[in-house]
Amino acid sequence: MKKDPPVSVLVNIGFGNVVAVSKVVAIVSPGSAPMKRIREEARESGRLIDATEGRRTRAIILTDSNHVILSALQVETITQRIQEGKHGIGAEEEDQG
């Protein structure tokens, strides 16, 4: 009998961009010096993914593959979406202003 592949749970991080919840290690605020350093190191090494669509970065998502993802949504919004099950591309776009 053939098994179906495991389904990844995705969370919308703004503008139709999604991230696999199982790959997220941390969601952090971008303001501190260490976070700015992490962002710059990721940019220099080609591990930075900018999903802000040119808007201000409000959250930095760190993954288990050492990639750094920038989001225009606030940390609280992304966390709430994960906890409440508001996943996928169809989730409402809020908190981007």
N, C-alpha and C. Protein backbone atom coordinates (compact mmCIF):
# COMPACT_ATOMS: atom_id res chain seq x y z
N MET A 1 0.83 -1.17 0.00
CA MET A 1 0.00 0.00 0.00
C MET A 1 0.88 1.25 0.00
N LYS A 2 0.55 2.20 -0.85
CA LYS A 2 1.33 3.42 -1.01
C LYS A 2 0.95 4.45 0.05
N LYS A 3 1.97 5.03 0.72
CA LYS A 3 1.74 6.05 1.74
C LYS A 3 1.81 7.44 1.12
N ASP A 4 0.93 8.32 1.58
CA ASP A 4 0.99 9.71 1.15
C ASP A 4 2.12 10.41 1.88
N PRO A 5 2.77 11.38 1.21
CA PRO A 5 3.84 12.12 1.89
C PRO A 5 3.24 12.96 3.01
N PRO A 6 4.04 13.24 4.05
CA PRO A 6 3.52 14.05 5.15
C PRO A 6 3.16 15.45 4.67
N VAL A 7 2.10 16.00 5.20
CA VAL A 7 1.63 17.32 4.80
C VAL A 7 2.32 18.36 5.69
N SER A 8 2.94 19.35 5.05
CA SER A 8 3.56 20.44 5.79
C SER A 8 2.51 21.49 6.10
N VAL A 9 2.50 21.95 7.33
CA VAL A 9 1.61 23.04 7.72
C VAL A 9 2.33 24.34 7.37
N LEU A 10 1.65 25.19 6.62
CA LEU A 10 2.23 26.45 6.18
C LEU A 10 1.55 27.61 6.89
N VAL A 11 2.30 28.67 7.15
CA VAL A 11 1.71 29.88 7.74
C VAL A 11 2.00 31.05 6.80
N ASN A 12 0.98 31.88 6.60
CA ASN A 12 1.09 33.06 5.76
C ASN A 12 1.88 34.12 6.51
N ILE A 13 2.96 34.62 5.89
CA ILE A 13 3.78 35.66 6.52
C ILE A 13 3.62 37.00 5.81
N GLY A 14 2.57 37.10 5.00
CA GLY A 14 2.27 38.36 4.31
C GLY A 14 2.49 38.30 2.82
N PHE A 15 1.61 38.98 2.09
CA PHE A 15 1.69 39.12 0.64
C PHE A 15 1.69 37.78 -0.10
N GLY A 16 0.97 36.80 0.42
CA GLY A 16 0.87 35.50 -0.22
C GLY A 16 2.09 34.62 -0.03
N ASN A 17 3.02 35.03 0.80
CA ASN A 17 4.21 34.23 1.10
C ASN A 17 3.93 33.34 2.29
N VAL A 18 4.37 32.09 2.20
CA VAL A 18 4.15 31.15 3.29
C VAL A 18 5.45 30.48 3.69
N VAL A 19 5.48 30.03 4.95
CA VAL A 19 6.65 29.33 5.50
C VAL A 19 6.15 28.05 6.16
N ALA A 20 6.92 26.97 6.03
CA ALA A 20 6.59 25.72 6.70
C ALA A 20 6.81 25.89 8.19
N VAL A 21 5.75 25.70 8.97
CA VAL A 21 5.82 25.88 10.41
C VAL A 21 6.87 24.96 11.03
N SER A 22 6.99 23.76 10.51
CA SER A 22 7.94 22.80 11.08
C SER A 22 9.40 23.22 10.91
N LYS A 23 9.68 24.16 10.03
CA LYS A 23 11.04 24.62 9.78
C LYS A 23 11.42 25.87 10.59
N VAL A 24 10.42 26.49 11.23
CA VAL A 24 10.66 27.72 11.99
C VAL A 24 11.29 27.40 13.34
N VAL A 25 12.41 28.05 13.62
CA VAL A 25 13.09 27.91 14.90
C VAL A 25 12.69 29.05 15.82
N ALA A 26 12.61 30.28 15.27
CA ALA A 26 12.27 31.44 16.08
C ALA A 26 11.67 32.53 15.20
N ILE A 27 10.83 33.35 15.82
CA ILE A 27 10.29 34.55 15.19
C ILE A 27 10.64 35.69 16.14
N VAL A 28 11.45 36.64 15.66
CA VAL A 28 11.99 37.67 16.55
C VAL A 28 11.77 39.07 15.98
N SER A 29 11.83 40.05 16.87
CA SER A 29 11.74 41.46 16.47
C SER A 29 13.06 41.89 15.84
N PRO A 30 13.02 42.77 14.86
CA PRO A 30 14.23 43.13 14.11
C PRO A 30 15.06 44.26 14.70
N GLY A 31 14.63 44.87 15.80
CA GLY A 31 15.25 46.10 16.27
C GLY A 31 16.60 45.99 16.95
N SER A 32 16.90 44.88 17.56
CA SER A 32 18.13 44.81 18.36
C SER A 32 19.38 44.67 17.48
N ALA A 33 20.51 45.03 18.05
CA ALA A 33 21.78 44.93 17.33
C ALA A 33 22.10 43.48 16.91
N PRO A 34 21.88 42.49 17.78
CA PRO A 34 22.15 41.11 17.34
C PRO A 34 21.30 40.68 16.14
N MET A 35 20.04 41.12 16.11
CA MET A 35 19.17 40.76 14.98
C MET A 35 19.63 41.46 13.71
N LYS A 36 20.07 42.69 13.83
CA LYS A 36 20.60 43.40 12.66
C LYS A 36 21.85 42.71 12.14
N ARG A 37 22.67 42.21 13.06
CA ARG A 37 23.89 41.49 12.68
C ARG A 37 23.54 40.17 11.99
N ILE A 38 22.57 39.44 12.52
CA ILE A 38 22.13 38.18 11.91
C ILE A 38 21.60 38.44 10.50
N ARG A 39 20.81 39.51 10.34
CA ARG A 39 20.26 39.85 9.03
C ARG A 39 21.37 40.15 8.02
N GLU A 40 22.36 40.93 8.44
CA GLU A 40 23.46 41.30 7.55
C GLU A 40 24.32 40.09 7.19
N GLU A 41 24.60 39.24 8.16
CA GLU A 41 25.38 38.02 7.88
C GLU A 41 24.64 37.11 6.90
N ALA A 42 23.32 37.00 7.05
CA ALA A 42 22.53 36.18 6.13
C ALA A 42 22.54 36.78 4.73
N ARG A 43 22.47 38.10 4.63
CA ARG A 43 22.50 38.76 3.33
C ARG A 43 23.83 38.48 2.62
N GLU A 44 24.93 38.61 3.37
CA GLU A 44 26.26 38.41 2.79
C GLU A 44 26.49 36.97 2.34
N SER A 45 25.87 36.01 3.05
CA SER A 45 26.09 34.60 2.71
C SER A 45 24.99 34.01 1.82
N GLY A 46 24.05 34.84 1.37
CA GLY A 46 23.01 34.37 0.46
C GLY A 46 21.91 33.55 1.13
N ARG A 47 21.72 33.73 2.44
CA ARG A 47 20.69 32.99 3.17
C ARG A 47 19.50 33.86 3.54
N LEU A 48 19.46 35.11 3.05
CA LEU A 48 18.39 36.04 3.40
C LEU A 48 17.26 35.95 2.38
N ILE A 49 16.02 35.83 2.88
CA ILE A 49 14.83 35.83 2.04
C ILE A 49 13.98 37.02 2.48
N ASP A 50 13.80 37.97 1.58
CA ASP A 50 13.04 39.18 1.89
C ASP A 50 11.62 39.03 1.37
N ALA A 51 10.67 38.85 2.28
CA ALA A 51 9.26 38.69 1.92
C ALA A 51 8.45 39.92 2.32
N THR A 52 9.09 41.08 2.38
CA THR A 52 8.43 42.30 2.84
C THR A 52 7.75 43.09 1.74
N GLU A 53 8.04 42.77 0.48
CA GLU A 53 7.48 43.54 -0.66
C GLU A 53 7.82 45.02 -0.54
N GLY A 54 9.01 45.32 -0.02
CA GLY A 54 9.47 46.70 0.08
C GLY A 54 8.98 47.45 1.31
N ARG A 55 8.21 46.80 2.14
CA ARG A 55 7.71 47.44 3.36
C ARG A 55 8.72 47.27 4.50
N ARG A 56 8.44 47.93 5.60
CA ARG A 56 9.31 47.86 6.77
C ARG A 56 9.31 46.45 7.36
N THR A 57 10.48 45.97 7.74
CA THR A 57 10.60 44.66 8.37
C THR A 57 10.11 44.75 9.80
N ARG A 58 9.13 43.91 10.14
CA ARG A 58 8.57 43.89 11.50
C ARG A 58 8.84 42.58 12.21
N ALA A 59 9.28 41.56 11.46
CA ALA A 59 9.61 40.28 12.09
C ALA A 59 10.70 39.61 11.28
N ILE A 60 11.57 38.91 12.00
CA ILE A 60 12.61 38.09 11.37
C ILE A 60 12.34 36.65 11.78
N ILE A 61 12.25 35.79 10.77
CA ILE A 61 11.98 34.37 11.02
C ILE A 61 13.27 33.61 10.77
N LEU A 62 13.70 32.86 11.78
CA LEU A 62 14.90 32.03 11.67
C LEU A 62 14.47 30.60 11.45
N THR A 63 15.10 29.91 10.50
CA THR A 63 14.71 28.54 10.16
C THR A 63 15.79 27.54 10.56
N ASP A 64 15.40 26.27 10.55
CA ASP A 64 16.35 25.21 10.90
C ASP A 64 17.42 25.02 9.84
N SER A 65 17.23 25.57 8.66
CA SER A 65 18.24 25.47 7.60
C SER A 65 19.17 26.68 7.61
N ASN A 66 19.06 27.52 8.66
CA ASN A 66 19.89 28.70 8.84
C ASN A 66 19.52 29.84 7.88
N HIS A 67 18.34 29.77 7.26
CA HIS A 67 17.87 30.88 6.44
C HIS A 67 17.21 31.91 7.35
N VAL A 68 17.25 33.15 6.90
CA VAL A 68 16.65 34.26 7.63
C VAL A 68 15.61 34.88 6.71
N ILE A 69 14.34 34.92 7.20
CA ILE A 69 13.24 35.41 6.39
C ILE A 69 12.72 36.70 7.02
N LEU A 70 12.60 37.74 6.20
CA LEU A 70 12.07 39.02 6.67
C LEU A 70 10.59 39.11 6.33
N SER A 71 9.78 39.57 7.28
CA SER A 71 8.35 39.71 7.07
C SER A 71 7.90 41.10 7.48
N ALA A 72 6.88 41.63 6.79
CA ALA A 72 6.31 42.92 7.13
C ALA A 72 5.24 42.79 8.21
N LEU A 73 4.88 41.57 8.57
CA LEU A 73 3.91 41.35 9.64
C LEU A 73 4.63 41.37 10.99
N GLN A 74 3.91 41.75 12.03
CA GLN A 74 4.51 41.77 13.36
C GLN A 74 4.66 40.35 13.91
N VAL A 75 5.60 40.20 14.83
CA VAL A 75 5.86 38.90 15.46
C VAL A 75 4.57 38.33 16.04
N GLU A 76 3.81 39.16 16.73
CA GLU A 76 2.58 38.72 17.38
C GLU A 76 1.56 38.19 16.37
N THR A 77 1.48 38.83 15.22
CA THR A 77 0.53 38.42 14.18
C THR A 77 0.90 37.04 13.65
N ILE A 78 2.16 36.82 13.34
CA ILE A 78 2.60 35.53 12.81
C ILE A 78 2.40 34.44 13.86
N THR A 79 2.77 34.74 15.10
CA THR A 79 2.60 33.78 16.20
C THR A 79 1.13 33.42 16.38
N GLN A 80 0.28 34.42 16.32
CA GLN A 80 -1.15 34.18 16.48
C GLN A 80 -1.69 33.31 15.34
N ARG A 81 -1.24 33.55 14.12
CA ARG A 81 -1.67 32.74 12.99
C ARG A 81 -1.28 31.28 13.16
N ILE A 82 -0.09 31.06 13.68
CA ILE A 82 0.37 29.68 13.92
C ILE A 82 -0.50 29.03 14.99
N GLN A 83 -0.73 29.74 16.08
CA GLN A 83 -1.49 29.18 17.20
C GLN A 83 -2.96 28.96 16.88
N GLU A 84 -3.54 29.85 16.08
CA GLU A 84 -4.96 29.75 15.76
C GLU A 84 -5.24 28.92 14.52
N GLY A 85 -4.19 28.53 13.83
CA GLY A 85 -4.39 27.73 12.63
C GLY A 85 -4.75 28.53 11.40
N LYS A 86 -4.45 29.84 11.39
CA LYS A 86 -4.69 30.66 10.19
C LYS A 86 -3.51 30.48 9.25
N HIS A 87 -3.55 29.42 8.49
CA HIS A 87 -2.43 29.05 7.64
C HIS A 87 -2.75 29.30 6.18
N GLY A 88 -1.72 29.29 5.37
CA GLY A 88 -1.86 29.25 3.93
C GLY A 88 -2.02 30.60 3.27
N ILE A 89 -2.14 30.57 1.97
CA ILE A 89 -2.17 31.76 1.15
C ILE A 89 -3.49 32.51 1.30
N GLY A 90 -4.57 31.83 1.63
CA GLY A 90 -5.86 32.46 1.74
C GLY A 90 -6.07 33.25 3.02
N ALA A 91 -5.14 33.21 3.96
CA ALA A 91 -5.31 33.92 5.22
C ALA A 91 -5.37 35.43 4.96
N GLU A 92 -6.11 36.14 5.79
CA GLU A 92 -6.29 37.57 5.59
C GLU A 92 -4.97 38.32 5.72
N GLU A 93 -4.81 39.34 4.90
CA GLU A 93 -3.65 40.23 4.97
C GLU A 93 -3.99 41.35 5.93
N GLU A 94 -3.35 41.37 7.08
CA GLU A 94 -3.60 42.40 8.08
C GLU A 94 -2.28 42.88 8.66
N ASP A 95 -2.35 43.95 9.38
CA ASP A 95 -1.19 44.39 10.16
C ASP A 95 0.00 44.74 9.28
N GLN A 96 -0.22 45.28 8.07
CA GLN A 96 0.89 45.57 7.19
C GLN A 96 1.21 47.05 7.15
N GLY A 97 0.41 47.87 7.77
CA GLY A 97 0.55 49.32 7.67
C GLY A 97 1.54 49.82 8.59
